[in-house]
Amino acid sequence: MWPIFTKIYLWWLAVLIVLCLAVYGVIDRLNQHRFERFAERQAEPALTLIREGLERHTNGREAAWLEITASLTGVGWQIVEEDVDALRVDEASWQDERARLTVPIRDDLIIQGLIQDWEQLATGIGLLTLNELSLTDADQREQRLTELQHLLGLELARVGWENEGLGFVDERNLARGQVIVQSNYALNQFMVYVPAGAEQALRVGPFDQFQWLTVGGITVLVLALLITLAIALILVLLPLQRRLGRLTQAVDRIAEQGRTEPLPRQPQDGLTTMWRHVNAMAQRLIDLADQSQQLNQAVSHDLKTPLARMTFALEMLDSDSDPLIGNLKTDVRELNQLLDELLTFHQLSQSTPTEPHYCFPRAELDRLLEGPIVRDVRVSKSLDGVHRAPIEEHHWRRLCRNLVTNAVQYGNGHIDVRLEEDLDGLRLAVGDNGQGFSEELKDRAFEPFVRGDRARNLNSQGHGMGLALCQTIVQYYGGRLTINQSHLGGAQIDVWLPTVQDVDTSESPRAETEVQP
């Protein structure tokens, strides 16, 4: 079986490797796309302010203005000869958070810059915004601040230091004229504060920090990974399950048909080896069973002739003059009965009914329960109006005789026989008031030559074929035979056989009688 598990492990390892590569590729492409949109969104306010400045710096002063903005934003903006209609991301790396942008300012002016420090870019946006305000008259600055807020798409506000909850170090740096960046790691955002007068600052933001994968994205990826792994596992194990199912069906056919199954075309692995071993074991068991049956049949047939001669010879002798002759007649009669049961047992075990047979079950039971077999016991009987049953008459007679004989032999003088019919079959129950079957013996009671335990074996009569033959007869006709507890206190053998009722048959009256010895 080791090659099978090795194959499963290798398949599983290959699936995991492919999935890991696929997940990495998906994450890389997704983050690359998200980072490019992030770079465009973060750079747009700075580019808007650069355009505003370039409109004022014309006639060859564009390069000087770009140098100023480069020193403020930390981006080396350069004029390039390109033909672009809109902002374009030429190069982006989400792992390093680096992006190169090419931006059309005017029809005749294209600039390009590499952004690596996003906090420095935000600081430059704040300084450029403050520069725009400084170029506006004092009484119009609030209006200009509102215009810039809508133009840049950022929150801009003049605030007091004390109202912002800044630390001592940040307030001191603001007092010294330094721009500070206040980060909020819980929200992955940061604010920029630009000094704007006595204990006043221009607050710009918040600005978003790039998140390489969100919680929702991680959840979706994990679910997709688990679903893919489950599908891969099913695809790997499904062929193995189908092969095991075919093996199970083959074993069932061996048990039903008594012959081995041909080996199908399949990989040479542990299952194929197991199939060969099962076939070999089944063939050995079939051969042993055939040999056993042939031996039993041969012995049974070969004994018939000498037993017939012995029976004929004993009948010529007078048993009244010598008790030994009577005992010999009894022994020969029992031996003949055993041989008949063995032959019947083997014939029914190896065949199935070829045509329907019927008998009248109640009539046979009435004759049996009025005969000498129950002469010394009390019989309670309840025989329902069963018209006919699909079983040969001599088989029904042997079945009833064996069950009643077993109840008489192992009971304590009282037996109960019930015959009834319902919608799906005929039911026969034969019970006694003996010791019953032990739990251990119930599992082996229907095996040939198994006799009752000590509690049900107070005498030496019987040879252990009675119940085995009863079960064989019942199974031959598609019925069931079970052992239960009798209401008399002993064992009860329940038989179910499928029955056939004529459409125009009327029910005969129910008979409930008790026969005294």
Protein backbone atom coordinates (compact mmCIF):
# COMPACT_ATOMS: atom_id res chain seq x y z
CA MET A 1 0.00 0.00 0.00
CA TRP A 2 3.02 2.28 0.33
CA PRO A 3 3.00 3.35 -3.39
CA ILE A 4 -0.61 4.54 -3.00
CA PHE A 5 0.19 6.75 -0.01
CA THR A 6 3.36 7.97 -1.71
CA LYS A 7 1.27 8.96 -4.71
CA ILE A 8 -1.22 10.78 -2.48
CA TYR A 9 1.58 12.59 -0.62
CA LEU A 10 3.28 13.63 -3.87
CA TRP A 11 0.00 14.82 -5.34
CA TRP A 12 -0.74 16.75 -2.15
CA LEU A 13 2.75 18.30 -2.14
CA ALA A 14 2.41 19.27 -5.82
CA VAL A 15 -1.01 20.81 -5.16
CA LEU A 16 0.37 22.80 -2.22
CA ILE A 17 3.31 24.08 -4.28
CA VAL A 18 1.05 25.08 -7.17
CA LEU A 19 -1.40 26.73 -4.79
CA CYS A 20 1.37 28.66 -3.03
CA LEU A 21 2.69 29.90 -6.37
CA ALA A 22 -0.81 30.78 -7.50
CA VAL A 23 -1.58 32.61 -4.25
CA TYR A 24 1.69 34.53 -4.46
CA GLY A 25 0.93 35.48 -8.08
CA VAL A 26 -2.58 36.64 -7.16
CA ILE A 27 -1.32 38.65 -4.19
CA ASP A 28 1.45 40.20 -6.28
CA ARG A 29 -0.88 41.26 -9.09
CA LEU A 30 -3.52 42.48 -6.68
CA ASN A 31 -1.07 44.51 -4.62
CA GLN A 32 0.60 45.87 -7.74
CA HIS A 33 -2.73 47.16 -8.99
CA ARG A 34 -3.68 48.56 -5.59
CA PHE A 35 -0.30 50.28 -5.18
CA GLU A 36 -0.53 51.93 -8.60
CA ARG A 37 -3.94 53.37 -7.68
CA PHE A 38 -2.52 54.42 -4.31
CA ALA A 39 0.41 56.21 -5.98
CA GLU A 40 -1.89 58.10 -8.36
CA ARG A 41 -4.20 59.11 -5.52
CA GLN A 42 -1.41 60.28 -3.22
CA ALA A 43 0.50 62.18 -5.91
CA GLU A 44 -2.50 64.00 -7.38
CA PRO A 45 -2.60 66.84 -4.77
CA ALA A 46 1.14 67.53 -5.23
CA LEU A 47 0.77 67.54 -9.02
CA THR A 48 -2.16 69.97 -8.76
CA LEU A 49 -0.06 72.38 -6.69
CA ILE A 50 2.87 72.01 -9.11
CA ARG A 51 0.52 72.95 -11.99
CA GLU A 52 -0.65 75.99 -10.04
CA GLY A 53 2.96 77.10 -9.58
CA LEU A 54 3.98 76.45 -13.17
CA GLU A 55 1.19 78.70 -14.37
CA ARG A 56 2.95 81.50 -12.54
CA HIS A 57 6.47 80.46 -13.56
CA THR A 58 6.69 80.70 -17.32
CA ASN A 59 9.23 81.92 -19.83
CA GLY A 60 11.96 79.47 -18.88
CA ARG A 61 11.41 79.53 -15.12
CA GLU A 62 9.73 76.09 -15.05
CA ALA A 63 12.96 74.27 -14.18
CA ALA A 64 13.61 76.56 -11.22
CA TRP A 65 10.10 75.91 -9.88
CA LEU A 66 10.52 72.17 -10.29
CA GLU A 67 13.75 72.33 -8.29
CA ILE A 68 11.88 74.10 -5.48
CA THR A 69 9.09 71.51 -5.48
CA ALA A 70 11.66 68.73 -5.63
CA SER A 71 13.32 70.03 -2.46
CA LEU A 72 9.94 70.29 -0.71
CA THR A 73 8.39 66.94 -1.79
CA GLY A 74 11.54 64.82 -1.98
CA VAL A 75 10.77 63.91 -5.61
CA GLY A 76 13.25 64.76 -8.34
CA TRP A 77 10.82 66.17 -10.89
CA GLN A 78 12.31 66.50 -14.36
CA ILE A 79 11.05 67.75 -17.71
CA VAL A 80 10.95 64.94 -20.26
CA GLU A 81 10.12 64.58 -23.92
CA GLU A 82 7.16 62.22 -23.82
CA ASP A 83 3.79 62.03 -25.49
CA VAL A 84 1.21 61.26 -22.78
CA ASP A 85 -2.37 62.42 -22.37
CA ALA A 86 -2.89 61.53 -18.70
CA LEU A 87 -1.00 60.58 -15.57
CA ARG A 88 0.88 57.35 -16.15
CA VAL A 89 2.62 54.96 -13.75
CA ASP A 90 5.78 53.87 -15.56
CA GLU A 91 7.32 51.86 -12.77
CA ALA A 92 5.89 50.60 -9.48
CA SER A 93 7.04 48.22 -6.74
CA TRP A 94 4.61 47.59 -3.94
CA GLN A 95 7.25 45.75 -1.91
CA ASP A 96 9.49 48.88 -1.82
CA GLU A 97 6.57 51.33 -2.08
CA ARG A 98 8.29 53.07 -4.99
CA ALA A 99 6.58 54.53 -8.06
CA ARG A 100 7.75 56.52 -11.12
CA LEU A 101 5.10 58.79 -12.58
CA THR A 102 4.92 60.64 -15.88
CA VAL A 103 2.51 63.61 -15.80
CA PRO A 104 1.32 65.99 -18.53
CA ILE A 105 1.29 69.55 -17.11
CA ARG A 106 0.58 71.36 -20.37
CA ASP A 107 0.51 70.28 -23.96
CA ASP A 108 4.15 71.28 -24.27
CA LEU A 109 5.32 70.31 -20.78
CA ILE A 110 5.67 66.74 -19.47
CA ILE A 111 7.35 66.01 -16.12
CA GLN A 112 8.49 62.78 -14.53
CA GLY A 113 9.47 61.87 -10.98
CA LEU A 114 10.31 58.92 -8.75
CA ILE A 115 8.38 58.84 -5.44
CA GLN A 116 9.93 56.81 -2.60
CA ASP A 117 9.08 58.74 0.59
CA TRP A 118 5.33 59.25 0.88
CA GLU A 119 5.52 61.16 4.16
CA GLN A 120 7.98 63.61 2.57
CA LEU A 121 5.59 63.97 -0.35
CA ALA A 122 2.77 64.81 2.07
CA THR A 123 5.04 67.30 3.85
CA GLY A 124 5.73 68.99 0.52
CA ILE A 125 1.97 69.15 -0.15
CA GLY A 126 1.53 70.96 3.15
CA LEU A 127 4.34 73.42 2.42
CA LEU A 128 3.10 74.10 -1.12
CA THR A 129 -0.41 74.65 0.26
CA LEU A 130 0.96 77.14 2.77
CA ASN A 131 2.82 78.85 -0.08
CA GLU A 132 -0.45 79.23 -2.02
CA LEU A 133 -2.06 80.80 1.03
CA SER A 134 0.88 83.20 1.50
CA LEU A 135 0.39 84.51 -2.05
CA THR A 136 -3.22 85.43 -1.21
CA ASP A 137 -4.35 88.59 0.59
CA ALA A 138 -4.95 88.07 4.31
CA ASP A 139 -8.67 88.78 4.10
CA GLN A 140 -9.11 86.18 1.32
CA ARG A 141 -7.05 83.34 2.77
CA GLU A 142 -9.95 81.51 4.36
CA GLN A 143 -11.78 81.54 1.05
CA ARG A 144 -8.62 80.39 -0.73
CA LEU A 145 -8.20 77.62 1.87
CA THR A 146 -11.68 76.34 1.08
CA GLU A 147 -10.95 76.49 -2.65
CA LEU A 148 -7.73 74.52 -2.20
CA GLN A 149 -9.52 71.94 -0.07
CA HIS A 150 -11.95 71.22 -2.90
CA LEU A 151 -9.23 71.43 -5.53
CA LEU A 152 -6.85 69.00 -3.78
CA GLY A 153 -9.47 66.68 -2.32
CA LEU A 154 -7.84 66.94 1.12
CA GLU A 155 -8.97 68.18 4.48
CA LEU A 156 -7.24 71.54 5.18
CA ALA A 157 -7.71 73.46 8.40
CA ARG A 158 -5.97 76.11 10.51
CA VAL A 159 -5.80 74.74 14.05
CA GLY A 160 -4.28 75.67 17.36
CA TRP A 161 -1.56 73.46 18.78
CA GLU A 162 -3.23 73.06 22.14
CA ASN A 163 -6.47 71.76 20.62
CA GLU A 164 -4.79 68.92 18.70
CA GLY A 165 -3.40 66.99 21.64
CA LEU A 166 0.14 67.06 20.29
CA GLY A 167 3.00 66.07 22.48
CA PHE A 168 5.54 68.46 23.97
CA VAL A 169 8.19 67.54 21.40
CA ASP A 170 5.83 68.09 18.47
CA GLU A 171 4.71 71.48 19.80
CA ARG A 172 8.32 72.51 20.33
CA ASN A 173 9.22 71.48 16.78
CA LEU A 174 6.27 73.47 15.45
CA ALA A 175 7.39 76.49 17.44
CA ARG A 176 10.80 76.13 15.81
CA GLY A 177 9.16 76.20 12.37
CA GLN A 178 9.48 72.52 11.61
CA VAL A 179 6.83 70.46 9.86
CA ILE A 180 5.72 67.43 11.89
CA VAL A 181 4.00 64.19 10.85
CA GLN A 182 1.55 62.63 13.31
CA SER A 183 0.93 58.91 12.60
CA ASN A 184 -2.13 56.87 13.56
CA TYR A 185 -1.02 53.26 13.27
CA ALA A 186 -4.43 51.87 14.23
CA LEU A 187 -6.03 53.51 11.17
CA ASN A 188 -2.92 53.31 8.96
CA GLN A 189 -3.06 57.08 8.41
CA PHE A 190 -0.98 60.16 9.21
CA MET A 191 -1.48 63.93 9.51
CA VAL A 192 0.85 66.72 8.46
CA TYR A 193 1.10 69.89 10.55
CA VAL A 194 2.77 72.94 8.96
CA PRO A 195 3.62 75.96 11.19
CA ALA A 196 1.34 78.90 10.30
CA GLY A 197 1.87 81.64 12.86
CA ALA A 198 1.72 82.03 16.63
CA GLU A 199 0.69 78.66 18.04
CA GLN A 200 -1.14 78.04 14.78
CA ALA A 201 -0.62 75.24 12.27
CA LEU A 202 -2.05 74.17 8.95
CA ARG A 203 -3.36 70.63 9.33
CA VAL A 204 -3.29 68.62 6.11
CA GLY A 205 -4.82 65.19 5.80
CA PRO A 206 -5.32 62.49 6.84
CA PHE A 207 -3.15 60.68 4.30
CA ASP A 208 -3.51 56.92 3.85
CA GLN A 209 -0.59 54.56 4.26
CA PHE A 210 -0.33 51.70 1.81
CA GLN A 211 -1.65 48.36 3.11
CA TRP A 212 -0.37 45.46 1.07
CA LEU A 213 -3.41 43.31 1.95
CA THR A 214 -6.57 44.12 3.87
CA VAL A 215 -8.38 41.90 6.37
CA GLY A 216 -11.13 41.26 3.85
CA GLY A 217 -8.58 40.30 1.21
CA ILE A 218 -6.87 37.88 3.58
CA THR A 219 -10.23 36.29 4.44
CA VAL A 220 -11.13 35.85 0.78
CA LEU A 221 -7.72 34.35 -0.01
CA VAL A 222 -7.88 31.92 2.92
CA LEU A 223 -11.38 30.78 1.92
CA ALA A 224 -10.32 30.37 -1.69
CA LEU A 225 -7.24 28.43 -0.58
CA LEU A 226 -9.29 26.08 1.63
CA ILE A 227 -11.88 25.49 -1.09
CA THR A 228 -9.16 24.79 -3.64
CA LEU A 229 -7.43 22.37 -1.26
CA ALA A 230 -10.72 20.57 -0.61
CA ILE A 231 -11.41 20.24 -4.35
CA ALA A 232 -7.85 19.03 -4.96
CA LEU A 233 -8.17 16.47 -2.18
CA ILE A 234 -11.44 15.21 -3.63
CA LEU A 235 -9.90 14.93 -7.09
CA VAL A 236 -6.96 12.97 -5.66
CA LEU A 237 -9.02 10.63 -3.47
CA LEU A 238 -12.02 10.13 -5.78
CA PRO A 239 -10.27 7.63 -8.11
CA LEU A 240 -9.04 5.73 -5.05
CA GLN A 241 -12.58 5.68 -3.64
CA ARG A 242 -13.97 4.37 -6.93
CA ARG A 243 -11.38 1.60 -7.02
CA LEU A 244 -12.17 0.63 -3.42
CA GLY A 245 -15.87 0.60 -4.33
CA ARG A 246 -15.20 -1.74 -7.28
CA LEU A 247 -13.14 -3.96 -4.97
CA THR A 248 -16.03 -4.10 -2.47
CA GLN A 249 -18.51 -4.97 -5.23
CA ALA A 250 -16.16 -7.69 -6.50
CA VAL A 251 -15.91 -9.22 -3.02
CA ASP A 252 -19.74 -9.17 -2.76
CA ARG A 253 -20.04 -10.90 -6.15
CA ILE A 254 -17.54 -13.52 -5.03
CA ALA A 255 -19.70 -14.20 -1.97
CA GLU A 256 -22.91 -14.33 -4.05
CA GLN A 257 -21.73 -16.19 -7.15
CA GLY A 258 -18.97 -18.34 -5.70
CA ARG A 259 -16.36 -17.46 -8.30
CA THR A 260 -13.42 -15.08 -8.51
CA GLU A 261 -13.51 -11.76 -10.34
CA PRO A 262 -11.21 -10.85 -13.25
CA LEU A 263 -8.58 -8.25 -12.42
CA PRO A 264 -9.48 -4.94 -14.11
CA ARG A 265 -6.95 -2.74 -15.86
CA GLN A 266 -5.62 -0.34 -13.25
CA PRO A 267 -2.31 0.99 -11.91
CA GLN A 268 0.10 -1.52 -10.44
CA ASP A 269 0.00 -0.45 -6.82
CA GLY A 270 -1.08 -1.69 -3.41
CA LEU A 271 -4.77 -1.95 -4.31
CA THR A 272 -4.01 -4.14 -7.30
CA THR A 273 -1.86 -6.38 -5.10
CA MET A 274 -4.65 -6.57 -2.51
CA TRP A 275 -7.13 -7.45 -5.29
CA ARG A 276 -4.88 -10.34 -6.35
CA HIS A 277 -4.64 -11.59 -2.76
CA VAL A 278 -8.43 -11.36 -2.32
CA ASN A 279 -8.95 -13.33 -5.54
CA ALA A 280 -6.41 -15.95 -4.47
CA MET A 281 -7.98 -16.27 -1.01
CA ALA A 282 -11.48 -16.48 -2.52
CA GLN A 283 -10.36 -19.19 -4.96
CA ARG A 284 -8.84 -21.23 -2.13
CA LEU A 285 -12.03 -20.90 -0.07
CA ILE A 286 -14.18 -21.83 -3.07
CA ASP A 287 -12.01 -24.88 -3.76
CA LEU A 288 -12.18 -25.95 -0.11
CA ALA A 289 -15.97 -25.53 -0.06
CA ASP A 290 -16.34 -27.50 -3.31
CA GLN A 291 -14.13 -30.28 -2.00
CA SER A 292 -16.06 -30.39 1.26
CA GLN A 293 -19.40 -30.56 -0.54
CA GLN A 294 -18.18 -33.22 -2.94
CA LEU A 295 -16.81 -35.25 -0.06
CA ASN A 296 -20.04 -34.99 1.94
CA GLN A 297 -22.19 -35.88 -1.05
CA ALA A 298 -19.98 -38.79 -2.00
CA VAL A 299 -19.98 -40.14 1.56
CA SER A 300 -23.73 -39.66 1.86
CA HIS A 301 -24.49 -41.44 -1.41
CA ASP A 302 -22.00 -44.23 -0.82
CA LEU A 303 -23.47 -44.92 2.62
CA LYS A 304 -26.98 -45.20 1.27
CA THR A 305 -26.39 -48.62 -0.32
CA PRO A 306 -24.92 -50.44 2.73
CA LEU A 307 -27.51 -48.81 4.99
CA ALA A 308 -30.28 -50.05 2.72
CA ARG A 309 -28.85 -53.59 2.91
CA MET A 310 -28.58 -53.32 6.72
CA THR A 311 -32.17 -52.07 6.98
CA PHE A 312 -33.41 -54.94 4.80
CA ALA A 313 -31.44 -57.49 6.84
CA LEU A 314 -32.68 -56.13 10.18
CA GLU A 315 -36.27 -56.23 8.98
CA MET A 316 -35.84 -59.95 8.34
CA LEU A 317 -34.92 -60.45 12.01
CA ASP A 318 -37.31 -60.61 14.92
CA SER A 319 -36.64 -57.63 17.19
CA ASP A 320 -38.98 -59.01 19.89
CA SER A 321 -36.68 -61.93 20.59
CA ASP A 322 -33.54 -59.78 20.91
CA PRO A 323 -33.61 -56.12 22.19
CA LEU A 324 -30.26 -55.52 20.49
CA ILE A 325 -31.93 -55.87 17.09
CA GLY A 326 -34.43 -53.14 18.03
CA ASN A 327 -31.59 -50.82 19.06
CA LEU A 328 -29.79 -51.50 15.77
CA LYS A 329 -32.95 -50.65 13.83
CA THR A 330 -33.21 -47.35 15.74
CA ASP A 331 -29.55 -46.50 15.06
CA VAL A 332 -29.86 -47.29 11.36
CA ARG A 333 -33.05 -45.21 11.15
CA GLU A 334 -31.28 -42.22 12.76
CA LEU A 335 -28.32 -42.66 10.45
CA ASN A 336 -30.63 -42.69 7.44
CA GLN A 337 -32.30 -39.53 8.73
CA LEU A 338 -28.90 -37.84 9.15
CA LEU A 339 -27.90 -38.77 5.59
CA ASP A 340 -31.20 -37.46 4.23
CA GLU A 341 -30.68 -34.16 6.05
CA LEU A 342 -27.08 -33.88 4.79
CA LEU A 343 -28.16 -34.47 1.21
CA THR A 344 -31.01 -31.97 1.52
CA PHE A 345 -28.70 -29.44 3.17
CA HIS A 346 -26.12 -29.61 0.36
CA GLN A 347 -28.72 -29.62 -2.42
CA LEU A 348 -30.45 -26.50 -1.11
CA SER A 349 -27.16 -24.74 -0.31
CA GLN A 350 -25.98 -25.03 -3.91
CA SER A 351 -29.16 -24.17 -5.81
CA THR A 352 -32.09 -21.78 -6.07
CA PRO A 353 -35.77 -22.47 -6.89
CA THR A 354 -36.30 -22.84 -10.64
CA GLU A 355 -40.11 -22.90 -10.59
CA PRO A 356 -42.77 -22.02 -8.02
CA HIS A 357 -43.94 -24.73 -5.60
CA TYR A 358 -46.85 -24.52 -3.21
CA CYS A 359 -48.22 -26.46 -0.28
CA PHE A 360 -50.99 -26.18 2.28
CA PRO A 361 -49.12 -25.27 5.47
CA ARG A 362 -51.98 -25.56 7.96
CA ALA A 363 -52.94 -29.06 6.91
CA GLU A 364 -49.37 -30.30 7.38
CA LEU A 365 -49.14 -28.66 10.81
CA ASP A 366 -52.43 -30.16 11.92
CA ARG A 367 -51.25 -33.67 10.98
CA LEU A 368 -47.91 -33.12 12.75
CA LEU A 369 -49.43 -31.75 15.97
CA GLU A 370 -51.86 -34.66 16.12
CA GLY A 371 -49.18 -37.30 15.64
CA PRO A 372 -46.99 -39.26 18.06
CA ILE A 373 -44.20 -36.65 18.07
CA VAL A 374 -46.15 -34.52 20.57
CA ARG A 375 -47.78 -37.40 22.44
CA ASP A 376 -46.20 -36.63 25.80
CA VAL A 377 -46.31 -32.78 25.78
CA ARG A 378 -48.97 -30.14 26.04
CA VAL A 379 -49.43 -28.16 22.82
CA SER A 380 -50.83 -24.64 22.52
CA LYS A 381 -51.55 -23.73 18.94
CA SER A 382 -52.96 -20.82 17.02
CA LEU A 383 -53.25 -21.54 13.31
CA ASP A 384 -54.48 -18.75 11.06
CA GLY A 385 -56.28 -19.28 7.76
CA VAL A 386 -53.27 -19.51 5.44
CA HIS A 387 -54.36 -20.77 2.03
CA ARG A 388 -51.01 -21.82 0.61
CA ALA A 389 -47.29 -21.06 0.88
CA PRO A 390 -44.60 -21.03 -1.87
CA ILE A 391 -42.63 -24.00 -0.56
CA GLU A 392 -42.51 -27.65 -1.52
CA GLU A 393 -44.57 -29.93 0.70
CA HIS A 394 -41.72 -32.18 1.83
CA HIS A 395 -39.56 -29.15 2.65
CA TRP A 396 -42.38 -27.61 4.70
CA ARG A 397 -42.93 -30.96 6.43
CA ARG A 398 -39.19 -31.26 7.25
CA LEU A 399 -39.07 -27.65 8.50
CA CYS A 400 -42.07 -28.05 10.81
CA ARG A 401 -40.94 -31.47 12.06
CA ASN A 402 -37.45 -30.23 12.93
CA LEU A 403 -38.75 -27.15 14.75
CA VAL A 404 -41.40 -29.05 16.70
CA THR A 405 -38.95 -31.87 17.52
CA ASN A 406 -36.43 -29.31 18.78
CA ALA A 407 -39.09 -27.67 20.99
CA VAL A 408 -40.28 -31.03 22.35
CA GLN A 409 -36.72 -32.22 23.01
CA TYR A 410 -35.48 -29.10 24.80
CA GLY A 411 -38.73 -27.96 26.41
CA ASN A 412 -40.20 -28.98 29.73
CA GLY A 413 -43.48 -30.49 28.54
CA HIS A 414 -45.16 -27.48 26.94
CA ILE A 415 -44.78 -26.06 23.43
CA ASP A 416 -46.53 -23.26 21.57
CA VAL A 417 -47.08 -23.26 17.77
CA ARG A 418 -48.46 -20.23 15.95
CA LEU A 419 -49.12 -19.84 12.22
CA GLU A 420 -50.42 -16.57 10.84
CA GLU A 421 -50.34 -14.47 7.72
CA ASP A 422 -49.97 -10.71 7.18
CA LEU A 423 -49.65 -8.49 4.15
CA ASP A 424 -46.07 -9.41 3.30
CA GLY A 425 -45.70 -13.05 4.29
CA LEU A 426 -46.40 -16.15 6.30
CA ARG A 427 -45.12 -16.37 9.87
CA LEU A 428 -44.50 -19.53 11.88
CA ALA A 429 -43.41 -19.40 15.53
CA VAL A 430 -42.51 -22.50 17.57
CA GLY A 431 -41.70 -21.90 21.24
CA ASP A 432 -41.09 -23.99 24.35
CA ASN A 433 -40.81 -23.56 28.12
CA GLY A 434 -37.24 -24.84 28.40
CA GLN A 435 -34.00 -23.07 29.29
CA GLY A 436 -33.69 -21.20 25.99
CA PHE A 437 -30.48 -20.35 24.14
CA SER A 438 -27.51 -18.67 25.74
CA GLU A 439 -26.25 -15.48 24.09
CA GLU A 440 -23.09 -17.24 23.03
CA LEU A 441 -24.95 -20.11 21.37
CA LYS A 442 -27.39 -17.87 19.46
CA ASP A 443 -24.64 -16.86 17.03
CA ARG A 444 -23.75 -20.51 16.26
CA ALA A 445 -27.11 -22.25 16.58
CA PHE A 446 -27.62 -22.49 12.80
CA GLU A 447 -24.22 -23.99 12.04
CA PRO A 448 -24.18 -27.68 11.00
CA PHE A 449 -23.47 -30.19 13.77
CA VAL A 450 -23.76 -27.55 16.52
CA ARG A 451 -25.89 -28.88 19.35
CA GLY A 452 -27.45 -27.05 22.24
CA ASP A 453 -25.48 -26.16 25.35
CA ARG A 454 -25.78 -28.14 28.59
CA ALA A 455 -29.02 -26.41 29.54
CA ARG A 456 -30.61 -27.54 26.23
CA ASN A 457 -28.85 -30.90 26.02
CA LEU A 458 -30.26 -32.90 28.91
CA ASN A 459 -30.35 -36.03 26.74
CA SER A 460 -28.19 -37.34 23.94
CA GLN A 461 -30.78 -37.16 21.14
CA GLY A 462 -30.11 -35.13 18.00
CA HIS A 463 -27.11 -34.72 15.77
CA GLY A 464 -26.91 -30.93 15.31
CA MET A 465 -28.36 -30.66 11.78
CA GLY A 466 -31.94 -29.70 12.68
CA LEU A 467 -31.74 -25.91 12.90
CA ALA A 468 -29.03 -25.73 10.23
CA LEU A 469 -31.32 -27.52 7.79
CA CYS A 470 -34.26 -25.31 8.82
CA GLN A 471 -32.32 -22.16 8.06
CA THR A 472 -31.15 -23.56 4.72
CA ILE A 473 -34.74 -24.38 3.73
CA VAL A 474 -36.01 -20.94 4.77
CA GLN A 475 -33.21 -19.10 2.96
CA TYR A 476 -33.74 -21.26 -0.13
CA TYR A 477 -37.26 -19.85 -0.42
CA GLY A 478 -36.24 -16.25 0.37
CA GLY A 479 -37.35 -16.19 4.00
CA ARG A 480 -35.85 -15.45 7.40
CA LEU A 481 -35.32 -17.53 10.55
CA THR A 482 -34.53 -15.95 13.92
CA ILE A 483 -34.24 -16.98 17.57
CA ASN A 484 -36.26 -15.04 20.15
CA GLN A 485 -37.66 -15.41 23.67
CA SER A 486 -40.88 -17.37 23.99
CA HIS A 487 -43.73 -16.16 26.20
CA LEU A 488 -43.53 -19.60 27.82
CA GLY A 489 -40.07 -18.72 29.11
CA GLY A 490 -37.90 -20.77 26.74
CA ALA A 491 -36.69 -20.31 23.17
CA GLN A 492 -38.87 -19.40 20.22
CA ILE A 493 -37.91 -19.98 16.58
CA ASP A 494 -39.59 -17.45 14.26
CA VAL A 495 -39.89 -18.22 10.53
CA TRP A 496 -41.00 -15.77 7.87
CA LEU A 497 -41.79 -16.90 4.32
CA PRO A 498 -43.31 -14.90 1.46
CA THR A 499 -46.85 -16.09 0.79
CA VAL A 500 -49.23 -15.94 -2.20
CA GLN A 501 -52.99 -15.53 -1.67
CA ASP A 502 -55.54 -16.18 -4.35
CA VAL A 503 -57.63 -13.11 -5.05
CA ASP A 504 -60.99 -14.85 -4.45
CA THR A 505 -59.84 -16.91 -1.46
CA SER A 506 -61.84 -16.32 1.70
CA GLU A 507 -60.27 -16.62 5.12
CA SER A 508 -60.96 -19.76 7.07
CA PRO A 509 -61.93 -19.37 10.74
CA ARG A 510 -59.09 -18.94 13.22
CA ALA A 511 -58.36 -21.98 15.38
CA GLU A 512 -57.02 -21.60 18.91
CA THR A 513 -56.85 -24.85 20.85
CA GLU A 514 -54.83 -26.47 23.57
CA VAL A 515 -54.12 -30.19 23.35
CA GLN A 516 -53.54 -32.05 26.62
CA PRO A 517 -51.25 -35.08 26.70
